[in-house]
């Protein structure tokens, strides 16, 4: 099915949803730009091209980059230093990617929660 301008490719979106469904603690957020977050910290997302960024602890990030021959995730021309670019083949293999999503969640849980902004 052809995609219209600005839509995330269906195959990547479906894979992201399957991945998120693999951990009952995680809820997918975002209608047009899907992402996950915990305690105010985003830890995974899909960009408009269907490329996935995953936030990992430094030691996991380095190992992931080496193992999958990938790089730091870039969005809008800037590097997102704590995020790795998930290769498309790995995104589509949700069973293989799920342990990394779980590591990402564990890393985020170790961070201090972001303060909630109170409405004025």
Protein backbone atom coordinates (compact mmCIF):
# COMPACT_ATOMS: atom_id res chain seq x y z
CA UNK A 1 0.00 0.00 0.00
CA UNK A 2 1.57 3.34 -1.00
CA UNK A 3 2.05 5.91 1.70
CA UNK A 4 0.92 9.48 1.47
CA UNK A 5 3.27 12.35 2.16
CA UNK A 6 4.16 12.67 5.83
CA UNK A 7 2.93 9.23 6.90
CA UNK A 8 5.19 6.71 8.58
CA UNK A 9 5.54 3.56 6.44
CA UNK A 10 2.92 1.01 7.58
CA UNK A 11 5.43 -1.85 7.93
CA UNK A 12 7.60 0.08 10.41
CA UNK A 13 4.59 1.43 12.32
CA UNK A 14 3.14 -2.08 12.68
CA UNK A 15 6.52 -3.43 13.83
CA UNK A 16 6.83 -0.61 16.42
CA UNK A 17 3.35 -1.41 17.73
CA UNK A 18 4.19 -5.16 17.95
CA UNK A 19 7.39 -4.31 19.80
CA UNK A 20 5.60 -2.10 22.34
CA UNK A 21 2.94 -4.79 22.85
CA UNK A 22 5.77 -7.11 23.98
CA UNK A 23 6.06 -5.27 27.32
CA UNK A 24 2.82 -4.60 29.21
CA UNK A 25 4.47 -1.77 31.22
CA UNK A 26 4.93 0.32 28.08
CA UNK A 27 2.27 2.43 26.44
CA UNK A 28 2.63 3.86 22.95
CA UNK A 29 2.03 7.59 22.81
CA UNK A 30 1.80 10.07 19.95
CA UNK A 31 -0.64 9.90 17.07
CA UNK A 32 1.54 11.19 14.23
CA UNK A 33 5.00 10.58 15.73
CA UNK A 34 4.82 7.42 17.88
CA UNK A 35 6.99 7.29 20.99
CA UNK A 36 7.29 5.78 24.46
CA UNK A 37 8.12 7.53 27.70
CA UNK A 38 8.36 6.87 31.42
CA UNK A 39 8.53 9.43 34.25
CA UNK A 40 8.74 12.21 31.67
CA UNK A 41 11.67 10.68 29.75
CA UNK A 42 11.15 9.57 26.15
CA UNK A 43 13.01 6.35 25.37
CA UNK A 44 11.92 5.22 21.90
CA UNK A 45 10.31 6.78 18.87
CA UNK A 46 9.75 6.53 15.14
CA UNK A 47 10.48 9.46 12.87
CA UNK A 48 8.43 10.29 9.78
CA UNK A 49 10.58 8.02 7.58
CA UNK A 50 9.97 5.01 9.84
CA UNK A 51 13.45 5.07 11.35
CA UNK A 52 13.50 4.12 15.03
CA UNK A 53 15.57 5.77 17.74
CA UNK A 54 16.15 3.89 21.01
CA UNK A 55 17.61 5.48 24.15
CA UNK A 56 20.15 3.28 25.90
CA UNK A 57 22.61 3.51 28.81
CA UNK A 58 26.17 4.32 27.65
CA UNK A 59 27.49 0.75 27.91
CA UNK A 60 24.45 -0.71 26.12
CA UNK A 61 24.59 2.04 23.49
CA UNK A 62 28.21 1.32 22.60
CA UNK A 63 27.61 -2.44 22.44
CA UNK A 64 24.49 -1.95 20.28
CA UNK A 65 26.29 0.35 17.84
CA UNK A 66 29.14 -2.14 17.47
CA UNK A 67 26.95 -5.24 17.22
CA UNK A 68 24.53 -3.82 14.65
CA UNK A 69 26.99 -1.55 12.82
CA UNK A 70 24.77 1.47 13.34
CA UNK A 71 25.16 5.01 14.67
CA UNK A 72 23.78 7.66 16.99
CA UNK A 73 20.25 8.64 15.96
CA UNK A 74 19.84 11.95 14.14
CA UNK A 75 16.67 13.99 13.98
CA UNK A 76 16.18 17.37 12.32
CA UNK A 77 19.90 17.52 11.53
CA UNK A 78 21.15 17.02 15.07
CA UNK A 79 22.44 14.01 16.95
CA UNK A 80 20.36 12.67 19.80
CA UNK A 81 23.36 11.57 21.86
CA UNK A 82 21.68 8.91 24.03
CA UNK A 83 19.77 7.32 21.14
CA UNK A 84 20.90 4.69 18.67
CA UNK A 85 19.49 4.19 15.20
CA UNK A 86 17.76 0.82 15.09
CA UNK A 87 18.45 -0.90 11.76
CA UNK A 88 15.23 -1.52 9.85
CA UNK A 89 15.87 -5.28 9.72
CA UNK A 90 16.08 -5.33 13.53
CA UNK A 91 12.94 -3.20 13.93
CA UNK A 92 11.07 -5.76 11.84
CA UNK A 93 12.42 -8.60 14.04
CA UNK A 94 10.60 -7.59 17.20
CA UNK A 95 11.61 -10.73 19.13
CA UNK A 96 15.28 -9.78 18.71
CA UNK A 97 14.67 -6.11 19.49
CA UNK A 98 12.48 -6.56 22.58
CA UNK A 99 15.40 -7.19 25.00
CA UNK A 100 16.90 -3.84 23.95
CA UNK A 101 13.57 -2.06 24.49
CA UNK A 102 13.48 -3.61 27.97
CA UNK A 103 17.05 -2.40 28.64
CA UNK A 104 15.99 1.05 27.50
CA UNK A 105 13.06 1.06 29.93
CA UNK A 106 15.33 -0.13 32.77
CA UNK A 107 17.75 2.71 32.00
CA UNK A 108 14.97 5.31 32.02
CA UNK A 109 13.64 3.95 35.32
CA UNK A 110 17.09 4.60 36.82
CA UNK A 111 16.85 8.32 35.99
CA UNK A 112 15.30 10.91 38.27
CA UNK A 113 11.70 11.60 37.16
CA UNK A 114 11.18 14.89 35.37
CA UNK A 115 9.08 17.33 37.39
CA UNK A 116 5.46 17.65 36.35
CA UNK A 117 4.61 21.10 35.05
CA UNK A 118 1.59 22.53 36.84
CA UNK A 119 -0.92 24.45 34.73
CA UNK A 120 -0.96 28.21 35.30
